[in-house]
Amino acid sequence: MRPAGAGQVAGRAVLLAPQRERGMDGKVLPAGYQRIMDVVRQAHAPVMVKEVCGELGSLEPARSEAMHSKLNRLAGWGWLRKLADGKFTTTL
């Protein structure tokens, strides 16, 4: 497991977040991603991007696009599941 933080790839700053492994705590994620995980965990059903944005205080289109990217990254790292209808839920 590599630690979360910032790094560089080809001279560009990138976020280094760990691929989720069994028993891994969400505290290894950067604070912004932890807040997103909290919103998804507290939801009573799978959430849409705009719901997460609303809970975190911004419904601007540019923010929605950025949030969509973050949710997709979390799903790619194994922290969330993206459903066929485009909603997100926890992997547990």
PDB file of N, CA and C in Angstrom:
ATOM      1  N   MET A   1       0.843  -1.177   0.000  1.00  0.00           N
ATOM      2  CA  MET A   1       0.000   0.000   0.000  1.00  0.00           C
ATOM      3  C   MET A   1       0.882   1.232   0.000  1.00  0.00           C
ATOM      4  N   ARG A   2       0.558   2.181  -0.856  1.00  0.00           N
ATOM      5  CA  ARG A   2       1.291   3.439  -0.867  1.00  0.00           C
ATOM      6  C   ARG A   2       0.486   4.487  -0.122  1.00  0.00           C
ATOM      7  N   PRO A   3       1.120   5.428   0.515  1.00  0.00           N
ATOM      8  CA  PRO A   3       0.402   6.444   1.270  1.00  0.00           C
ATOM      9  C   PRO A   3      -0.311   7.426   0.359  1.00  0.00           C
ATOM     10  N   ALA A   4      -1.375   8.015   0.871  1.00  0.00           N
ATOM     11  CA  ALA A   4      -2.078   9.046   0.126  1.00  0.00           C
ATOM     12  C   ALA A   4      -1.262  10.329   0.195  1.00  0.00           C
ATOM     13  N   GLY A   5      -1.409  11.145  -0.784  1.00  0.00           N
ATOM     14  CA  GLY A   5      -0.707  12.412  -0.798  1.00  0.00           C
ATOM     15  C   GLY A   5      -0.554  12.884  -2.219  1.00  0.00           C
ATOM     16  N   ALA A   6       0.290  13.875  -2.409  1.00  0.00           N
ATOM     17  CA  ALA A   6       0.524  14.402  -3.742  1.00  0.00           C
ATOM     18  C   ALA A   6       1.853  13.893  -4.263  1.00  0.00           C
ATOM     19  N   GLY A   7       1.924  13.697  -5.545  1.00  0.00           N
ATOM     20  CA  GLY A   7       3.143  13.279  -6.202  1.00  0.00           C
ATOM     21  C   GLY A   7       3.186  13.909  -7.575  1.00  0.00           C
ATOM     22  N   GLN A   8       4.159  13.509  -8.370  1.00  0.00           N
ATOM     23  CA  GLN A   8       4.253  14.039  -9.725  1.00  0.00           C
ATOM     24  C   GLN A   8       4.437  12.903 -10.712  1.00  0.00           C
ATOM     25  N   VAL A   9       3.780  13.045 -11.833  1.00  0.00           N
ATOM     26  CA  VAL A   9       3.923  12.132 -12.954  1.00  0.00           C
ATOM     27  C   VAL A   9       4.093  13.003 -14.182  1.00  0.00           C
ATOM     28  N   ALA A  10       5.171  12.811 -14.900  1.00  0.00           N
ATOM     29  CA  ALA A  10       5.470  13.596 -16.098  1.00  0.00           C
ATOM     30  C   ALA A  10       5.397  15.096 -15.815  1.00  0.00           C
ATOM     31  N   GLY A  11       5.876  15.495 -14.650  1.00  0.00           N
ATOM     32  CA  GLY A  11       5.921  16.902 -14.298  1.00  0.00           C
ATOM     33  C   GLY A  11       4.615  17.502 -13.837  1.00  0.00           C
ATOM     34  N   ARG A  12       3.548  16.694 -13.764  1.00  0.00           N
ATOM     35  CA  ARG A  12       2.239  17.190 -13.324  1.00  0.00           C
ATOM     36  C   ARG A  12       1.934  16.664 -11.932  1.00  0.00           C
ATOM     37  N   ALA A  13       1.298  17.491 -11.117  1.00  0.00           N
ATOM     38  CA  ALA A  13       0.891  17.062  -9.780  1.00  0.00           C
ATOM     39  C   ALA A  13      -0.260  16.070  -9.905  1.00  0.00           C
ATOM     40  N   VAL A  14      -0.176  14.974  -9.192  1.00  0.00           N
ATOM     41  CA  VAL A  14      -1.236  13.976  -9.179  1.00  0.00           C
ATOM     42  C   VAL A  14      -1.502  13.564  -7.740  1.00  0.00           C
ATOM     43  N   LEU A  15      -2.709  13.090  -7.500  1.00  0.00           N
ATOM     44  CA  LEU A  15      -3.087  12.610  -6.190  1.00  0.00           C
ATOM     45  C   LEU A  15      -2.712  11.140  -6.098  1.00  0.00           C
ATOM     46  N   LEU A  16      -2.028  10.791  -5.050  1.00  0.00           N
ATOM     47  CA  LEU A  16      -1.683   9.406  -4.824  1.00  0.00           C
ATOM     48  C   LEU A  16      -2.610   8.852  -3.756  1.00  0.00           C
ATOM     49  N   ALA A  17      -3.533   8.010  -4.140  1.00  0.00           N
ATOM     50  CA  ALA A  17      -4.457   7.393  -3.194  1.00  0.00           C
ATOM     51  C   ALA A  17      -4.353   5.892  -3.370  1.00  0.00           C
ATOM     52  N   PRO A  18      -4.455   5.163  -2.287  1.00  0.00           N
ATOM     53  CA  PRO A  18      -4.283   3.712  -2.364  1.00  0.00           C
ATOM     54  C   PRO A  18      -5.484   2.981  -2.955  1.00  0.00           C
ATOM     55  N   GLN A  19      -5.198   1.922  -3.667  1.00  0.00           N
ATOM     56  CA  GLN A  19      -6.225   0.993  -4.108  1.00  0.00           C
ATOM     57  C   GLN A  19      -6.775   0.347  -2.845  1.00  0.00           C
ATOM     58  N   ARG A  20      -8.067   0.195  -2.742  1.00  0.00           N
ATOM     59  CA  ARG A  20      -8.658  -0.367  -1.535  1.00  0.00           C
ATOM     60  C   ARG A  20      -8.338  -1.846  -1.422  1.00  0.00           C
ATOM     61  N   GLU A  21      -7.956  -2.239  -0.224  1.00  0.00           N
ATOM     62  CA  GLU A  21      -7.706  -3.635   0.097  1.00  0.00           C
ATOM     63  C   GLU A  21      -8.581  -4.014   1.282  1.00  0.00           C
ATOM     64  N   ARG A  22      -8.827  -5.291   1.443  1.00  0.00           N
ATOM     65  CA  ARG A  22      -9.657  -5.789   2.533  1.00  0.00           C
ATOM     66  C   ARG A  22      -9.148  -5.250   3.875  1.00  0.00           C
ATOM     67  N   GLY A  23     -10.075  -4.726   4.679  1.00  0.00           N
ATOM     68  CA  GLY A  23      -9.743  -4.240   6.003  1.00  0.00           C
ATOM     69  C   GLY A  23      -9.145  -2.840   6.045  1.00  0.00           C
ATOM     70  N   MET A  24      -8.964  -2.212   4.899  1.00  0.00           N
ATOM     71  CA  MET A  24      -8.358  -0.882   4.846  1.00  0.00           C
ATOM     72  C   MET A  24      -9.378   0.167   5.272  1.00  0.00           C
ATOM     73  N   ASP A  25      -8.952   1.097   6.083  1.00  0.00           N
ATOM     74  CA  ASP A  25      -9.799   2.171   6.587  1.00  0.00           C
ATOM     75  C   ASP A  25      -9.753   3.367   5.634  1.00  0.00           C
ATOM     76  N   GLY A  26     -10.864   4.064   5.509  1.00  0.00           N
ATOM     77  CA  GLY A  26     -10.948   5.235   4.643  1.00  0.00           C
ATOM     78  C   GLY A  26     -10.089   6.399   5.096  1.00  0.00           C
ATOM     79  N   LYS A  27      -9.515   6.317   6.270  1.00  0.00           N
ATOM     80  CA  LYS A  27      -8.655   7.397   6.787  1.00  0.00           C
ATOM     81  C   LYS A  27      -7.375   7.538   5.968  1.00  0.00           C
ATOM     82  N   VAL A  28      -7.063   6.566   5.118  1.00  0.00           N
ATOM     83  CA  VAL A  28      -5.870   6.664   4.273  1.00  0.00           C
ATOM     84  C   VAL A  28      -6.106   7.575   3.073  1.00  0.00           C
ATOM     85  N   LEU A  29      -7.369   7.939   2.834  1.00  0.00           N
ATOM     86  CA  LEU A  29      -7.708   8.827   1.724  1.00  0.00           C
ATOM     87  C   LEU A  29      -7.502  10.282   2.130  1.00  0.00           C
ATOM     88  N   PRO A  30      -7.209  11.152   1.176  1.00  0.00           N
ATOM     89  CA  PRO A  30      -7.142  12.593   1.467  1.00  0.00           C
ATOM     90  C   PRO A  30      -8.485  13.089   2.008  1.00  0.00           C
ATOM     91  N   ALA A  31      -8.459  14.174   2.766  1.00  0.00           N
ATOM     92  CA  ALA A  31      -9.644  14.692   3.461  1.00  0.00           C
ATOM     93  C   ALA A  31     -10.847  14.911   2.547  1.00  0.00           C
ATOM     94  N   GLY A  32     -10.649  15.469   1.370  1.00  0.00           N
ATOM     95  CA  GLY A  32     -11.770  15.710   0.457  1.00  0.00           C
ATOM     96  C   GLY A  32     -12.459  14.420   0.034  1.00  0.00           C
ATOM     97  N   TYR A  33     -11.693  13.393  -0.198  1.00  0.00           N
ATOM     98  CA  TYR A  33     -12.257  12.099  -0.570  1.00  0.00           C
ATOM     99  C   TYR A  33     -12.942  11.448   0.631  1.00  0.00           C
ATOM    100  N   GLN A  34     -12.428  11.676   1.827  1.00  0.00           N
ATOM    101  CA  GLN A  34     -13.081  11.159   3.032  1.00  0.00           C
ATOM    102  C   GLN A  34     -14.470  11.769   3.196  1.00  0.00           C
ATOM    103  N   ARG A  35     -14.601  13.087   2.917  1.00  0.00           N
ATOM    104  CA  ARG A  35     -15.907  13.746   3.006  1.00  0.00           C
ATOM    105  C   ARG A  35     -16.887  13.151   1.995  1.00  0.00           C
ATOM    106  N   ILE A  36     -16.411  12.877   0.796  1.00  0.00           N
ATOM    107  CA  ILE A  36     -17.270  12.255  -0.228  1.00  0.00           C
ATOM    108  C   ILE A  36     -17.716  10.880   0.248  1.00  0.00           C
ATOM    109  N   MET A  37     -16.791  10.103   0.779  1.00  0.00           N
ATOM    110  CA  MET A  37     -17.126   8.769   1.281  1.00  0.00           C
ATOM    111  C   MET A  37     -18.166   8.856   2.397  1.00  0.00           C
ATOM    112  N   ASP A  38     -18.048   9.842   3.271  1.00  0.00           N
ATOM    113  CA  ASP A  38     -19.015  10.016   4.358  1.00  0.00           C
ATOM    114  C   ASP A  38     -20.416  10.266   3.813  1.00  0.00           C
ATOM    115  N   VAL A  39     -20.517  11.110   2.788  1.00  0.00           N
ATOM    116  CA  VAL A  39     -21.821  11.411   2.181  1.00  0.00           C
ATOM    117  C   VAL A  39     -22.433  10.135   1.597  1.00  0.00           C
ATOM    118  N   VAL A  40     -21.646   9.364   0.875  1.00  0.00           N
ATOM    119  CA  VAL A  40     -22.169   8.144   0.245  1.00  0.00           C
ATOM    120  C   VAL A  40     -22.560   7.125   1.315  1.00  0.00           C
ATOM    121  N   ARG A  41     -21.746   6.975   2.349  1.00  0.00           N
ATOM    122  CA  ARG A  41     -22.049   6.025   3.430  1.00  0.00           C
ATOM    123  C   ARG A  41     -23.338   6.388   4.167  1.00  0.00           C
ATOM    124  N   GLN A  42     -23.577   7.680   4.375  1.00  0.00           N
ATOM    125  CA  GLN A  42     -24.733   8.121   5.150  1.00  0.00           C
ATOM    126  C   GLN A  42     -26.034   8.104   4.348  1.00  0.00           C
ATOM    127  N   ALA A  43     -25.934   7.971   3.051  1.00  0.00           N
ATOM    128  CA  ALA A  43     -27.132   7.932   2.205  1.00  0.00           C
ATOM    129  C   ALA A  43     -27.882   6.621   2.438  1.00  0.00           C
ATOM    130  N   HIS A  44     -29.198   6.690   2.311  1.00  0.00           N
ATOM    131  CA  HIS A  44     -30.035   5.503   2.524  1.00  0.00           C
ATOM    132  C   HIS A  44     -30.175   4.660   1.267  1.00  0.00           C
ATOM    133  N   ALA A  45     -29.639   5.165   0.164  1.00  0.00           N
ATOM    134  CA  ALA A  45     -29.728   4.475  -1.124  1.00  0.00           C
ATOM    135  C   ALA A  45     -28.548   4.950  -1.973  1.00  0.00           C
ATOM    136  N   PRO A  46     -28.283   4.290  -3.089  1.00  0.00           N
ATOM    137  CA  PRO A  46     -27.227   4.775  -3.984  1.00  0.00           C
ATOM    138  C   PRO A  46     -27.475   6.239  -4.361  1.00  0.00           C
ATOM    139  N   VAL A  47     -26.396   6.996  -4.536  1.00  0.00           N
ATOM    140  CA  VAL A  47     -26.509   8.442  -4.763  1.00  0.00           C
ATOM    141  C   VAL A  47     -26.080   8.841  -6.167  1.00  0.00           C
ATOM    142  N   MET A  48     -26.666   9.939  -6.624  1.00  0.00           N
ATOM    143  CA  MET A  48     -26.280  10.555  -7.884  1.00  0.00           C
ATOM    144  C   MET A  48     -25.237  11.629  -7.581  1.00  0.00           C
ATOM    145  N   VAL A  49     -24.507  12.030  -8.597  1.00  0.00           N
ATOM    146  CA  VAL A  49     -23.472  13.042  -8.442  1.00  0.00           C
ATOM    147  C   VAL A  49     -24.051  14.323  -7.841  1.00  0.00           C
ATOM    148  N   LYS A  50     -25.200  14.769  -8.352  1.00  0.00           N
ATOM    149  CA  LYS A  50     -25.779  16.027  -7.869  1.00  0.00           C
ATOM    150  C   LYS A  50     -26.167  15.945  -6.399  1.00  0.00           C
ATOM    151  N   GLU A  51     -26.507  14.761  -5.899  1.00  0.00           N
ATOM    152  CA  GLU A  51     -26.832  14.607  -4.480  1.00  0.00           C
ATOM    153  C   GLU A  51     -25.594  14.807  -3.617  1.00  0.00           C
ATOM    154  N   VAL A  52     -24.475  14.253  -4.067  1.00  0.00           N
ATOM    155  CA  VAL A  52     -23.227  14.424  -3.328  1.00  0.00           C
ATOM    156  C   VAL A  52     -22.827  15.896  -3.343  1.00  0.00           C
ATOM    157  N   CYS A  53     -22.930  16.533  -4.501  1.00  0.00           N
ATOM    158  CA  CYS A  53     -22.614  17.968  -4.606  1.00  0.00           C
ATOM    159  C   CYS A  53     -23.484  18.783  -3.663  1.00  0.00           C
ATOM    160  N   GLY A  54     -24.766  18.493  -3.632  1.00  0.00           N
ATOM    161  CA  GLY A  54     -25.685  19.227  -2.769  1.00  0.00           C
ATOM    162  C   GLY A  54     -25.323  19.074  -1.301  1.00  0.00           C
ATOM    163  N   GLU A  55     -24.963  17.876  -0.896  1.00  0.00           N
ATOM    164  CA  GLU A  55     -24.580  17.641   0.497  1.00  0.00           C
ATOM    165  C   GLU A  55     -23.291  18.366   0.854  1.00  0.00           C
ATOM    166  N   LEU A  56     -22.414  18.522  -0.125  1.00  0.00           N
ATOM    167  CA  LEU A  56     -21.136  19.188   0.128  1.00  0.00           C
ATOM    168  C   LEU A  56     -21.190  20.685  -0.177  1.00  0.00           C
ATOM    169  N   GLY A  57     -22.366  21.173  -0.592  1.00  0.00           N
ATOM    170  CA  GLY A  57     -22.577  22.611  -0.697  1.00  0.00           C
ATOM    171  C   GLY A  57     -22.375  23.286  -2.035  1.00  0.00           C
ATOM    172  N   SER A  58     -22.348  22.556  -3.139  1.00  0.00           N
ATOM    173  CA  SER A  58     -22.191  23.230  -4.428  1.00  0.00           C
ATOM    174  C   SER A  58     -22.881  22.456  -5.541  1.00  0.00           C
ATOM    175  N   LEU A  59     -23.784  23.142  -6.239  1.00  0.00           N
ATOM    176  CA  LEU A  59     -24.488  22.527  -7.363  1.00  0.00           C
ATOM    177  C   LEU A  59     -24.091  23.140  -8.703  1.00  0.00           C
ATOM    178  N   GLU A  60     -22.996  23.901  -8.732  1.00  0.00           N
ATOM    179  CA  GLU A  60     -22.532  24.514  -9.979  1.00  0.00           C
ATOM    180  C   GLU A  60     -22.120  23.413 -10.966  1.00  0.00           C
ATOM    181  N   PRO A  61     -22.412  23.603 -12.259  1.00  0.00           N
ATOM    182  CA  PRO A  61     -22.048  22.584 -13.259  1.00  0.00           C
ATOM    183  C   PRO A  61     -20.568  22.188 -13.234  1.00  0.00           C
ATOM    184  N   ALA A  62     -19.682  23.155 -13.088  1.00  0.00           N
ATOM    185  CA  ALA A  62     -18.249  22.833 -13.071  1.00  0.00           C
ATOM    186  C   ALA A  62     -17.912  21.951 -11.876  1.00  0.00           C
ATOM    187  N   ARG A  63     -18.554  22.211 -10.756  1.00  0.00           N
ATOM    188  CA  ARG A  63     -18.323  21.401  -9.554  1.00  0.00           C
ATOM    189  C   ARG A  63     -18.884  19.996  -9.743  1.00  0.00           C
ATOM    190  N   SER A  64     -20.003  19.894 -10.446  1.00  0.00           N
ATOM    191  CA  SER A  64     -20.591  18.578 -10.705  1.00  0.00           C
ATOM    192  C   SER A  64     -19.664  17.718 -11.547  1.00  0.00           C
ATOM    193  N   GLU A  65     -19.040  18.323 -12.556  1.00  0.00           N
ATOM    194  CA  GLU A  65     -18.091  17.578 -13.401  1.00  0.00           C
ATOM    195  C   GLU A  65     -16.899  17.101 -12.586  1.00  0.00           C
ATOM    196  N   ALA A  66     -16.382  17.974 -11.730  1.00  0.00           N
ATOM    197  CA  ALA A  66     -15.243  17.599 -10.883  1.00  0.00           C
ATOM    198  C   ALA A  66     -15.642  16.495  -9.909  1.00  0.00           C
ATOM    199  N   MET A  67     -16.837  16.586  -9.348  1.00  0.00           N
ATOM    200  CA  MET A  67     -17.316  15.564  -8.409  1.00  0.00           C
ATOM    201  C   MET A  67     -17.505  14.231  -9.119  1.00  0.00           C
ATOM    202  N   HIS A  68     -18.019  14.282 -10.336  1.00  0.00           N
ATOM    203  CA  HIS A  68     -18.203  13.061 -11.115  1.00  0.00           C
ATOM    204  C   HIS A  68     -16.853  12.358 -11.309  1.00  0.00           C
ATOM    205  N   SER A  69     -15.834  13.123 -11.611  1.00  0.00           N
ATOM    206  CA  SER A  69     -14.493  12.561 -11.777  1.00  0.00           C
ATOM    207  C   SER A  69     -13.992  11.936 -10.479  1.00  0.00           C
ATOM    208  N   LYS A  70     -14.217  12.618  -9.368  1.00  0.00           N
ATOM    209  CA  LYS A  70     -13.764  12.089  -8.072  1.00  0.00           C
ATOM    210  C   LYS A  70     -14.497  10.805  -7.705  1.00  0.00           C
ATOM    211  N   LEU A  71     -15.798  10.769  -7.944  1.00  0.00           N
ATOM    212  CA  LEU A  71     -16.565   9.557  -7.663  1.00  0.00           C
ATOM    213  C   LEU A  71     -16.094   8.398  -8.539  1.00  0.00           C
ATOM    214  N   ASN A  72     -15.826   8.696  -9.809  1.00  0.00           N
ATOM    215  CA  ASN A  72     -15.308   7.648 -10.702  1.00  0.00           C
ATOM    216  C   ASN A  72     -13.939   7.153 -10.242  1.00  0.00           C
ATOM    217  N   ARG A  73     -13.090   8.069  -9.769  1.00  0.00           N
ATOM    218  CA  ARG A  73     -11.778   7.654  -9.251  1.00  0.00           C
ATOM    219  C   ARG A  73     -11.944   6.745  -8.041  1.00  0.00           C
ATOM    220  N   LEU A  74     -12.819   7.139  -7.126  1.00  0.00           N
ATOM    221  CA  LEU A  74     -13.054   6.304  -5.943  1.00  0.00           C
ATOM    222  C   LEU A  74     -13.567   4.922  -6.342  1.00  0.00           C
ATOM    223  N   ALA A  75     -14.407   4.867  -7.358  1.00  0.00           N
ATOM    224  CA  ALA A  75     -14.899   3.574  -7.848  1.00  0.00           C
ATOM    225  C   ALA A  75     -13.755   2.781  -8.484  1.00  0.00           C
ATOM    226  N   GLY A  76     -12.907   3.448  -9.231  1.00  0.00           N
ATOM    227  CA  GLY A  76     -11.770   2.776  -9.860  1.00  0.00           C
ATOM    228  C   GLY A  76     -10.765   2.239  -8.852  1.00  0.00           C
ATOM    229  N   TRP A  77     -10.633   2.934  -7.727  1.00  0.00           N
ATOM    230  CA  TRP A  77      -9.713   2.490  -6.669  1.00  0.00           C
ATOM    231  C   TRP A  77     -10.341   1.437  -5.767  1.00  0.00           C
ATOM    232  N   GLY A  78     -11.635   1.127  -5.988  1.00  0.00           N
ATOM    233  CA  GLY A  78     -12.299   0.103  -5.195  1.00  0.00           C
ATOM    234  C   GLY A  78     -12.991   0.602  -3.939  1.00  0.00           C
ATOM    235  N   TRP A  79     -13.061   1.902  -3.741  1.00  0.00           N
ATOM    236  CA  TRP A  79     -13.698   2.454  -2.539  1.00  0.00           C
ATOM    237  C   TRP A  79     -15.205   2.567  -2.693  1.00  0.00           C
ATOM    238  N   LEU A  80     -15.689   2.782  -3.915  1.00  0.00           N
ATOM    239  CA  LEU A  80     -17.110   2.870  -4.214  1.00  0.00           C
ATOM    240  C   LEU A  80     -17.438   1.902  -5.340  1.00  0.00           C
ATOM    241  N   ARG A  81     -18.734   1.695  -5.529  1.00  0.00           N
ATOM    242  CA  ARG A  81     -19.225   0.923  -6.668  1.00  0.00           C
ATOM    243  C   ARG A  81     -20.071   1.842  -7.519  1.00  0.00           C
ATOM    244  N   LYS A  82     -19.841   1.827  -8.830  1.00  0.00           N
ATOM    245  CA  LYS A  82     -20.686   2.595  -9.753  1.00  0.00           C
ATOM    246  C   LYS A  82     -21.687   1.629 -10.355  1.00  0.00           C
ATOM    247  N   LEU A  83     -22.951   1.942 -10.182  1.00  0.00           N
ATOM    248  CA  LEU A  83     -24.018   1.085 -10.689  1.00  0.00           C
ATOM    249  C   LEU A  83     -24.327   1.402 -12.148  1.00  0.00           C
ATOM    250  N   ALA A  84     -25.052   0.511 -12.788  1.00  0.00           N
ATOM    251  CA  ALA A  84     -25.374   0.668 -14.210  1.00  0.00           C
ATOM    252  C   ALA A  84     -26.149   1.954 -14.497  1.00  0.00           C
ATOM    253  N   ASP A  85     -26.910   2.430 -13.522  1.00  0.00           N
ATOM    254  CA  ASP A  85     -27.690   3.652 -13.728  1.00  0.00           C
ATOM    255  C   ASP A  85     -26.885   4.926 -13.441  1.00  0.00           C
ATOM    256  N   GLY A  86     -25.583   4.772 -13.150  1.00  0.00           N
ATOM    257  CA  GLY A  86     -24.717   5.918 -12.925  1.00  0.00           C
ATOM    258  C   GLY A  86     -24.655   6.382 -11.476  1.00  0.00           C
ATOM    259  N   LYS A  87     -25.394   5.737 -10.596  1.00  0.00           N
ATOM    260  CA  LYS A  87     -25.365   6.082  -9.178  1.00  0.00           C
ATOM    261  C   LYS A  87     -24.189   5.378  -8.507  1.00  0.00           C
ATOM    262  N   PHE A  88     -23.826   5.882  -7.331  1.00  0.00           N
ATOM    263  CA  PHE A  88     -22.692   5.343  -6.592  1.00  0.00           C
ATOM    264  C   PHE A  88     -23.138   4.852  -5.220  1.00  0.00           C
ATOM    265  N   THR A  89     -22.483   3.803  -4.755  1.00  0.00           N
ATOM    266  CA  THR A  89     -22.749   3.241  -3.440  1.00  0.00           C
ATOM    267  C   THR A  89     -21.444   2.716  -2.852  1.00  0.00           C
ATOM    268  N   THR A  90     -21.469   2.426  -1.570  1.00  0.00           N
ATOM    269  CA  THR A  90     -20.264   1.868  -0.947  1.00  0.00           C
ATOM    270  C   THR A  90     -20.074   0.442  -1.441  1.00  0.00           C
ATOM    271  N   THR A  91     -18.870  -0.052  -1.324  1.00  0.00           N
ATOM    272  CA  THR A  91     -18.576  -1.402  -1.808  1.00  0.00           C
ATOM    273  C   THR A  91     -19.012  -2.469  -0.826  1.00  0.00           C
ATOM    274  N   LEU A  92     -19.301  -2.080   0.392  1.00  0.00           N
ATOM    275  CA  LEU A  92     -19.705  -3.062   1.410  1.00  0.00           C
ATOM    276  C   LEU A  92     -21.188  -3.279   1.426  1.00  0.00           C
TER     277      LEU A  92
END
